[in-house]
Amino acid sequence: MEVDMSVWTDNGKFDPANDSVDVAGNFNDWGGTPIWLDDSDGDTVYSGVIYGLVFPGDNIEYKFRINGSWNDATCEFPSGGPNRTFTVGNQDTTLFHYYNDDLPSSGIAGDDLLPKKYALHQNYPNPFNPTTTISFDLPKASDVNLTVYNLMGQQVMTLKNEKMNAGSYKIHVDASQLSSGVYFYRIQADGYVNYRKMTLLK
């Protein structure tokens, strides 16, 4: 499982130096046996595994929490809000979420709010069927090429190939013409190159 804490970090609601993130669900007695997530590379995306706790066909429910607390000010979807749900399949799957479903802002911001560096974020939702959203940040105007590849390395979609102003962007992706499977999306913006993996489940 992965959860992106970037929005809560930027808003001052989460401090990576002092706060921690865990996942609580029906597979660990809703946090009775904590599963702490780790951000080993400092990109504000926290990850962990629940191997051995769930099995194919299981219908799981879960939420992410800050500091293992159900405090309404910090836990996801407070005051009895909906749980996240997923039916476990036969393949290993990475479930990616933005904390509390708070996505990065999109469009062009004022100079004081422009991104400080290039970034390519994990698509959301992931896995998806058949639509998802890819977000990326440009600290300056750049020639952007955003493409999707299959596991054979074949380019299957071109999402952007144009000059774009500085800002944070969200690109809607409709993969209804693609088959189920794992794909990679890649961004090249001037000298910046990065890619991430996404899973289409139909």
Foldseek 3Di string as FASTA:
>chain_A
DKEAAVVCVVVVNDDVVPKWKWKAKPLCPGCPPTFTWDDPPPPRITDGDDPPSDDAQDKMWMWMFMRSDLPQSTTAQHPPGGTDIDGDHDDDFDFYAYHNNDDDDADADPLVPFDPDWDWDDWPGFQDAFKIKTKIFDNAWWQKWKFKAAPVRDTDDTQDGGTDGGHMHIGMDGRNVDDWDKMKMWMDTPPDIDIDIGTYDD
